Protein backbone atom coordinates (compact mmCIF):
# COMPACT_ATOMS: atom_id res chain seq x y z
CA MET A 1 -123.07 -77.37 -122.12
CA THR A 2 -124.55 -74.01 -121.74
CA GLU A 3 -122.52 -71.14 -120.55
CA LYS A 4 -124.14 -68.34 -118.73
CA LYS A 5 -123.14 -65.01 -119.99
CA GLN A 6 -121.75 -62.78 -117.31
CA LYS A 7 -123.52 -59.53 -116.98
CA LYS A 8 -121.11 -56.68 -117.57
CA SER A 9 -121.22 -53.87 -115.07
CA ARG A 10 -121.78 -50.41 -116.39
CA ILE A 11 -119.55 -48.93 -113.67
CA SER A 12 -115.86 -49.35 -114.33
CA PRO A 13 -113.70 -51.01 -111.64
CA MET A 14 -111.48 -47.94 -111.46
CA PHE A 15 -114.41 -45.69 -110.68
CA ARG A 16 -115.62 -48.08 -107.95
CA ARG A 17 -112.19 -48.09 -106.36
CA THR A 18 -111.97 -44.29 -106.48
CA VAL A 19 -115.34 -43.91 -104.79
CA SER A 20 -114.43 -46.47 -102.10
CA HIS A 21 -111.39 -44.34 -101.10
CA PHE A 22 -113.69 -41.51 -100.08
CA PHE A 23 -114.98 -43.66 -97.22
CA THR A 24 -111.67 -45.07 -95.90
CA LYS A 25 -109.26 -43.56 -93.39
CA PRO A 26 -106.16 -41.93 -94.95
CA ALA A 27 -102.92 -43.91 -94.69
CA THR A 28 -100.75 -40.82 -94.25
CA THR A 29 -100.40 -38.31 -91.42
CA LYS A 30 -100.68 -34.54 -91.48
CA TYR A 31 -97.01 -34.23 -90.52
CA PRO A 32 -95.91 -30.70 -91.25
CA PHE A 33 -99.02 -29.31 -89.61
CA VAL A 34 -99.46 -31.84 -86.80
CA LYS A 35 -96.32 -33.07 -85.04
CA PRO A 36 -96.28 -36.80 -84.27
CA LYS A 37 -96.25 -38.13 -80.71
CA LEU A 38 -92.76 -39.49 -80.12
CA PRO A 39 -92.08 -42.62 -78.05
CA ASP A 40 -90.37 -42.27 -74.66
CA ASP A 41 -87.10 -43.79 -75.86
CA PHE A 42 -86.85 -41.66 -79.02
CA ARG A 43 -83.31 -40.75 -80.07
CA GLY A 44 -83.07 -37.30 -81.60
CA GLU A 45 -80.24 -34.83 -81.98
CA THR A 46 -77.86 -34.79 -79.01
CA GLN A 47 -77.46 -31.59 -77.00
CA TYR A 48 -74.15 -30.51 -75.44
CA LYS A 49 -73.93 -28.31 -72.33
CA VAL A 50 -70.62 -26.55 -71.70
CA LYS A 51 -71.52 -25.85 -68.06
CA SER A 52 -71.82 -29.54 -67.27
CA CYS A 53 -68.61 -30.45 -69.04
CA ASN A 54 -66.55 -27.91 -67.08
CA VAL A 55 -67.54 -29.02 -63.61
CA ILE A 56 -66.77 -32.40 -62.06
CA GLU A 57 -68.96 -33.24 -59.10
CA LEU A 58 -67.34 -35.32 -56.39
CA GLY A 59 -69.94 -36.84 -54.12
CA SER A 60 -72.85 -34.62 -53.22
CA PRO A 61 -73.09 -31.45 -55.34
CA ASP A 62 -73.71 -29.39 -52.21
CA LEU A 63 -70.61 -30.62 -50.43
CA LEU A 64 -67.77 -30.68 -52.93
CA THR A 65 -67.39 -29.41 -56.48
CA LEU A 66 -64.13 -29.15 -58.38
CA ASP A 67 -63.99 -26.42 -61.01
CA VAL A 68 -61.62 -27.53 -63.77
CA ARG A 69 -62.04 -24.52 -66.07
CA SER A 70 -58.66 -23.15 -65.09
CA ILE A 71 -56.86 -26.22 -66.42
CA VAL A 72 -55.95 -25.56 -70.07
CA GLY A 73 -57.21 -28.11 -72.56
CA VAL A 74 -59.46 -29.94 -70.13
CA ASN A 75 -61.67 -32.49 -71.81
CA CYS A 76 -62.09 -36.10 -70.84
CA SER A 77 -62.78 -37.18 -74.48
CA VAL A 78 -64.78 -40.22 -73.38
CA CYS A 79 -67.47 -39.32 -75.92
CA VAL A 80 -64.91 -39.29 -78.74
CA ARG A 81 -63.42 -42.59 -77.64
CA ASP A 82 -66.77 -44.38 -77.33
CA CYS A 83 -68.47 -43.11 -80.52
CA PRO A 84 -68.69 -46.08 -82.92
CA ALA A 85 -69.28 -43.85 -85.96
CA ASN A 86 -66.45 -41.38 -85.21
CA ALA A 87 -69.03 -38.59 -85.34
CA ILE A 88 -67.46 -36.57 -82.50
CA GLU A 89 -64.18 -34.73 -82.67
CA ILE A 90 -62.50 -32.34 -80.25
CA VAL A 91 -61.97 -28.80 -81.57
CA GLU A 92 -60.51 -25.73 -79.90
CA VAL A 93 -62.90 -22.87 -79.13
CA ASP A 94 -61.59 -19.79 -77.29
CA GLY A 95 -58.59 -21.70 -75.97
CA LYS A 96 -60.72 -24.56 -74.63
CA ARG A 97 -61.16 -27.99 -76.18
CA ARG A 98 -64.80 -28.87 -76.86
CA PRO A 99 -66.61 -31.69 -78.71
CA GLN A 100 -68.00 -31.03 -82.17
CA PHE A 101 -70.82 -33.31 -83.37
CA ASN A 102 -71.05 -34.39 -87.00
CA PHE A 103 -74.66 -35.50 -87.49
CA ASP A 104 -73.94 -36.55 -91.07
CA ARG A 105 -71.93 -39.45 -89.58
CA CYS A 106 -73.98 -40.02 -86.40
CA VAL A 107 -76.00 -43.24 -86.14
CA PHE A 108 -77.90 -41.96 -83.06
CA CYS A 109 -76.84 -44.88 -80.89
CA TYR A 110 -76.52 -42.50 -77.90
CA GLN A 111 -73.33 -44.15 -76.69
CA CYS A 112 -71.96 -40.63 -76.07
CA VAL A 113 -74.95 -39.81 -73.83
CA GLU A 114 -74.52 -43.02 -71.85
CA SER A 115 -70.74 -42.78 -71.46
CA CYS A 116 -70.39 -39.07 -70.58
CA PRO A 117 -69.28 -39.08 -66.92
CA ARG A 118 -70.35 -35.45 -66.41
CA LYS A 119 -73.75 -35.79 -68.14
CA ALA A 120 -72.83 -32.91 -70.46
CA ILE A 121 -74.36 -34.64 -73.47
CA LYS A 122 -78.13 -34.99 -73.27
CA SER A 123 -80.82 -36.48 -75.47
CA SER A 124 -83.45 -34.42 -77.23
CA GLU A 125 -86.58 -34.85 -79.30
CA LEU A 126 -85.29 -32.86 -82.27
CA TYR A 127 -85.70 -35.04 -85.35
CA GLU A 128 -85.99 -32.57 -88.22
CA LEU A 129 -82.44 -32.78 -89.56
CA ALA A 130 -83.17 -33.03 -93.30
CA THR A 131 -81.06 -30.63 -95.33
CA THR A 132 -79.40 -30.24 -98.70
CA ASP A 133 -76.29 -28.68 -97.14
CA LYS A 134 -74.13 -31.31 -95.42
CA LYS A 135 -72.16 -28.64 -93.55
CA SER A 136 -75.26 -27.64 -91.61
CA LEU A 137 -75.22 -31.08 -89.95
CA ILE A 138 -71.98 -30.21 -88.14
CA LYS A 139 -72.85 -28.86 -84.69
CA LYS A 140 -69.99 -26.70 -83.50
CA PRO A 141 -69.55 -25.80 -79.83
CA ASN A 142 -71.02 -22.43 -78.89
CA PRO A 143 -68.21 -20.11 -77.71
CA ASN A 144 -70.72 -17.55 -76.38
CA GLU A 145 -72.29 -19.93 -73.85
CA THR A 146 -71.40 -18.87 -70.34
CA GLU A 147 -69.05 -21.19 -68.50
CA THR A 148 -70.04 -20.62 -64.90
CA ALA A 149 -70.23 -23.36 -62.33
CA LYS A 150 -73.62 -24.80 -61.39
């Protein structure tokens, strides 16, 4: 039996692999510089609008609107009741009760968006929530937002 000697390559396998990577497409994206295109059903940070929460529309908005701002402590609390992660709590701001969102607990299921009868909680495309300070993930209601009817 005669064995053929294999001819050893003078180019190392590591060098070949390194050179081959120059001609392939990168596996990563240029994220901080180029924002990705988000899908239509993307679930980002929820947005809360005080104006929508204060006004209950009955029927057509042009015909009948009930302003409930004068009632002290008005808040339906449906969002708090329906949140599976208990990420929403009601806090008092300037004598009014408003929802406070804790994004450190939120699972972004959007049950609050779906169950809000007044459509005061909306979806957004904000996804950059990374932080080293957990307290910055608590979104407190804005007391300076004007509370006028639509």
